[in-house]
C-alpha atoms as a PDB file:
ATOM      1  CA  UNK A   1      -2.249  -0.823 -90.467  1.00  0.00           C
ATOM      2  CA  UNK A   2       0.498  -0.510 -87.890  1.00  0.00           C
ATOM      3  CA  UNK A   3       1.236   3.136 -87.178  1.00  0.00           C
ATOM      4  CA  UNK A   4       3.844   3.021 -84.441  1.00  0.00           C
ATOM      5  CA  UNK A   5       6.964   0.916 -84.365  1.00  0.00           C
ATOM      6  CA  UNK A   6       7.527   1.245 -80.624  1.00  0.00           C
ATOM      7  CA  UNK A   7       5.279   1.651 -77.636  1.00  0.00           C
ATOM      8  CA  UNK A   8       5.368   5.143 -76.156  1.00  0.00           C
ATOM      9  CA  UNK A   9       4.240   6.498 -72.796  1.00  0.00           C
ATOM     10  CA  UNK A  10       2.039   9.533 -73.434  1.00  0.00           C
ATOM     11  CA  UNK A  11       0.316  12.056 -71.193  1.00  0.00           C
ATOM     12  CA  UNK A  12      -2.962  13.579 -72.390  1.00  0.00           C
ATOM     13  CA  UNK A  13      -4.414  16.754 -70.865  1.00  0.00           C
ATOM     14  CA  UNK A  14      -7.798  17.959 -72.061  1.00  0.00           C
ATOM     15  CA  UNK A  15     -10.725  19.303 -70.064  1.00  0.00           C
ATOM     16  CA  UNK A  16     -13.180  17.432 -72.320  1.00  0.00           C
ATOM     17  CA  UNK A  17     -13.599  13.866 -71.078  1.00  0.00           C
ATOM     18  CA  UNK A  18     -14.816  12.611 -74.466  1.00  0.00           C
ATOM     19  CA  UNK A  19     -11.671  13.945 -76.161  1.00  0.00           C
ATOM     20  CA  UNK A  20      -9.486  12.237 -73.538  1.00  0.00           C
ATOM     21  CA  UNK A  21     -11.319   8.942 -74.075  1.00  0.00           C
ATOM     22  CA  UNK A  22     -11.192   9.131 -77.878  1.00  0.00           C
ATOM     23  CA  UNK A  23      -7.486   9.972 -77.967  1.00  0.00           C
ATOM     24  CA  UNK A  24      -6.801   7.323 -75.333  1.00  0.00           C
ATOM     25  CA  UNK A  25      -8.532   4.644 -77.416  1.00  0.00           C
ATOM     26  CA  UNK A  26      -6.513   5.582 -80.507  1.00  0.00           C
ATOM     27  CA  UNK A  27      -3.280   5.440 -78.503  1.00  0.00           C
ATOM     28  CA  UNK A  28      -4.198   2.060 -77.000  1.00  0.00           C
ATOM     29  CA  UNK A  29      -5.096   0.707 -80.454  1.00  0.00           C
ATOM     30  CA  UNK A  30      -1.584   1.656 -81.577  1.00  0.00           C
ATOM     31  CA  UNK A  31       0.055  -0.055 -78.590  1.00  0.00           C
ATOM     32  CA  UNK A  32       0.851   3.032 -76.525  1.00  0.00           C
ATOM     33  CA  UNK A  33       0.324   3.544 -72.812  1.00  0.00           C
ATOM     34  CA  UNK A  34      -1.102   6.794 -71.502  1.00  0.00           C
ATOM     35  CA  UNK A  35      -2.285   8.765 -68.518  1.00  0.00           C
ATOM     36  CA  UNK A  36      -5.067  11.320 -68.963  1.00  0.00           C
ATOM     37  CA  UNK A  37      -5.654  14.499 -66.973  1.00  0.00           C
ATOM     38  CA  UNK A  38      -8.294  17.232 -67.092  1.00  0.00           C
ATOM     39  CA  UNK A  39      -5.975  20.239 -66.764  1.00  0.00           C
ATOM     40  CA  UNK A  40      -2.403  21.412 -67.152  1.00  0.00           C
ATOM     41  CA  UNK A  41      -1.586  21.424 -63.441  1.00  0.00           C
ATOM     42  CA  UNK A  42      -2.481  17.723 -63.140  1.00  0.00           C
ATOM     43  CA  UNK A  43      -0.531  16.947 -66.309  1.00  0.00           C
ATOM     44  CA  UNK A  44       2.558  18.735 -64.968  1.00  0.00           C
ATOM     45  CA  UNK A  45       2.363  16.648 -61.798  1.00  0.00           C
ATOM     46  CA  UNK A  46       2.014  13.545 -64.025  1.00  0.00           C
ATOM     47  CA  UNK A  47       5.196  14.502 -65.892  1.00  0.00           C
ATOM     48  CA  UNK A  48       7.045  15.046 -62.614  1.00  0.00           C
ATOM     49  CA  UNK A  49       5.968  11.627 -61.279  1.00  0.00           C
ATOM     50  CA  UNK A  50       6.681   9.698 -64.491  1.00  0.00           C
ATOM     51  CA  UNK A  51      10.223  10.240 -65.770  1.00  0.00           C
ATOM     52  CA  UNK A  52       9.676   8.119 -68.888  1.00  0.00           C
ATOM     53  CA  UNK A  53       7.158  10.374 -70.664  1.00  0.00           C
ATOM     54  CA  UNK A  54       7.694  10.210 -74.440  1.00  0.00           C
ATOM     55  CA  UNK A  55       5.022  12.701 -75.563  1.00  0.00           C
ATOM     56  CA  UNK A  56       2.463  15.178 -74.247  1.00  0.00           C
ATOM     57  CA  UNK A  57      -0.878  15.838 -75.948  1.00  0.00           C
ATOM     58  CA  UNK A  58      -2.229  19.086 -74.530  1.00  0.00           C
ATOM     59  CA  UNK A  59      -5.405  21.013 -75.146  1.00  0.00           C
ATOM     60  CA  UNK A  60      -4.612  24.688 -75.495  1.00  0.00           C
ATOM     61  CA  UNK A  61      -7.576  26.004 -73.519  1.00  0.00           C
ATOM     62  CA  UNK A  62      -8.024  24.354 -70.110  1.00  0.00           C
ATOM     63  CA  UNK A  63      -8.724  25.534 -66.571  1.00  0.00           C
ATOM     64  CA  UNK A  64      -5.684  26.433 -64.490  1.00  0.00           C
ATOM     65  CA  UNK A  65      -2.540  26.017 -66.616  1.00  0.00           C
ATOM     66  CA  UNK A  66      -3.363  25.647 -70.288  1.00  0.00           C
ATOM     67  CA  UNK A  67      -1.328  23.728 -72.858  1.00  0.00           C
ATOM     68  CA  UNK A  68       0.794  26.711 -73.857  1.00  0.00           C
ATOM     69  CA  UNK A  69       1.579  27.521 -70.220  1.00  0.00           C
ATOM     70  CA  UNK A  70       2.650  23.936 -69.644  1.00  0.00           C
ATOM     71  CA  UNK A  71       4.987  23.940 -72.654  1.00  0.00           C
ATOM     72  CA  UNK A  72       6.588  27.155 -71.371  1.00  0.00           C
ATOM     73  CA  UNK A  73       7.028  25.652 -67.896  1.00  0.00           C
ATOM     74  CA  UNK A  74       8.567  22.466 -69.307  1.00  0.00           C
ATOM     75  CA  UNK A  75      10.895  24.204 -71.762  1.00  0.00           C
ATOM     76  CA  UNK A  76      12.229  26.356 -68.901  1.00  0.00           C
ATOM     77  CA  UNK A  77      12.330  23.504 -66.396  1.00  0.00           C
ATOM     78  CA  UNK A  78      14.769  20.726 -65.551  1.00  0.00           C
ATOM     79  CA  UNK A  79      16.733  19.251 -68.485  1.00  0.00           C
ATOM     80  CA  UNK A  80      14.637  16.059 -68.608  1.00  0.00           C
ATOM     81  CA  UNK A  81      11.521  18.183 -69.340  1.00  0.00           C
ATOM     82  CA  UNK A  82      12.977  20.441 -72.011  1.00  0.00           C
ATOM     83  CA  UNK A  83      12.899  18.033 -74.943  1.00  0.00           C
ATOM     84  CA  UNK A  84       9.630  16.169 -74.388  1.00  0.00           C
ATOM     85  CA  UNK A  85       7.696  16.384 -77.678  1.00  0.00           C
ATOM     86  CA  UNK A  86       4.326  18.129 -77.429  1.00  0.00           C
ATOM     87  CA  UNK A  87       1.207  18.049 -79.562  1.00  0.00           C
ATOM     88  CA  UNK A  88      -1.030  21.055 -78.846  1.00  0.00           C
ATOM     89  CA  UNK A  89      -4.679  20.591 -79.826  1.00  0.00           C
ATOM     90  CA  UNK A  90      -7.635  22.977 -79.877  1.00  0.00           C
ATOM     91  CA  UNK A  91     -11.034  23.436 -81.451  1.00  0.00           C
ATOM     92  CA  UNK A  92     -10.233  27.080 -82.077  1.00  0.00           C
ATOM     93  CA  UNK A  93      -7.100  28.745 -83.342  1.00  0.00           C
ATOM     94  CA  UNK A  94      -5.910  30.979 -80.502  1.00  0.00           C
ATOM     95  CA  UNK A  95      -5.743  34.725 -81.102  1.00  0.00           C
ATOM     96  CA  UNK A  96      -2.317  34.733 -79.489  1.00  0.00           C
ATOM     97  CA  UNK A  97      -0.793  32.190 -81.847  1.00  0.00           C
ATOM     98  CA  UNK A  98       2.686  33.475 -81.009  1.00  0.00           C
ATOM     99  CA  UNK A  99       2.481  31.230 -77.939  1.00  0.00           C
ATOM    100  CA  UNK A 100       2.029  28.069 -80.007  1.00  0.00           C
ATOM    101  CA  UNK A 101       5.769  27.392 -79.803  1.00  0.00           C
ATOM    102  CA  UNK A 102       5.925  27.015 -83.586  1.00  0.00           C
ATOM    103  CA  UNK A 103       9.658  27.726 -83.479  1.00  0.00           C
ATOM    104  CA  UNK A 104      10.063  24.609 -81.327  1.00  0.00           C
ATOM    105  CA  UNK A 105      10.682  21.600 -83.591  1.00  0.00           C
ATOM    106  CA  UNK A 106       9.332  19.279 -80.886  1.00  0.00           C
ATOM    107  CA  UNK A 107       5.997  21.078 -80.673  1.00  0.00           C
ATOM    108  CA  UNK A 108       3.160  20.781 -83.220  1.00  0.00           C
ATOM    109  CA  UNK A 109      -0.430  22.008 -83.386  1.00  0.00           C
ATOM    110  CA  UNK A 110      -3.572  20.214 -84.601  1.00  0.00           C
ATOM    111  CA  UNK A 111      -6.970  21.849 -84.830  1.00  0.00           C
ATOM    112  CA  UNK A 112      -9.923  19.758 -83.610  1.00  0.00           C
ATOM    113  CA  UNK A 113     -11.642  17.902 -85.076  1.00  0.00           C
ATOM    114  CA  UNK A 114      -8.859  15.985 -86.776  1.00  0.00           C
ATOM    115  CA  UNK A 115      -8.867  12.609 -88.475  1.00  0.00           C
ATOM    116  CA  UNK A 116      -7.344   9.547 -86.879  1.00  0.00           C
ATOM    117  CA  UNK A 117      -4.895   9.330 -89.762  1.00  0.00           C
ATOM    118  CA  UNK A 118      -3.679  12.918 -89.357  1.00  0.00           C
ATOM    119  CA  UNK A 119      -3.453  12.435 -85.583  1.00  0.00           C
ATOM    120  CA  UNK A 120      -1.374   9.271 -85.955  1.00  0.00           C
ATOM    121  CA  UNK A 121       0.921  10.806 -88.591  1.00  0.00           C
ATOM    122  CA  UNK A 122       1.527  13.790 -86.321  1.00  0.00           C
ATOM    123  CA  UNK A 123       2.163  11.597 -83.272  1.00  0.00           C
ATOM    124  CA  UNK A 124       4.631   9.471 -85.217  1.00  0.00           C
ATOM    125  CA  UNK A 125       6.459  12.567 -86.487  1.00  0.00           C
ATOM    126  CA  UNK A 126       6.986  13.658 -82.872  1.00  0.00           C
ATOM    127  CA  UNK A 127       8.063  10.290 -81.436  1.00  0.00           C
END
């Protein structure tokens, strides 16, 4: 099965190394390139240094800036940051779900654990 038609450059930020590795392997299997970071601050620096980012996959709960903080920063930042699609992921549904950016058509949420098929369908809907 071929899930993606084009290669994308994706940034992953999750404080769980196993999650980063698992997502990274799925992205590689589908022909994508990625950089992985353990927190939102590192991911933001990765976005700043790599102008060709096609998608961000961000854990909601991380040390320093979390995924929701990073989306807010990007959406209020320079024009090249404002439209980067974002997939927010979390093992728990946050109490403050108003900050999930659900009104943003380029931002989706998946609750961990998710299947590879659901992950790939969601990624493809954002790319």
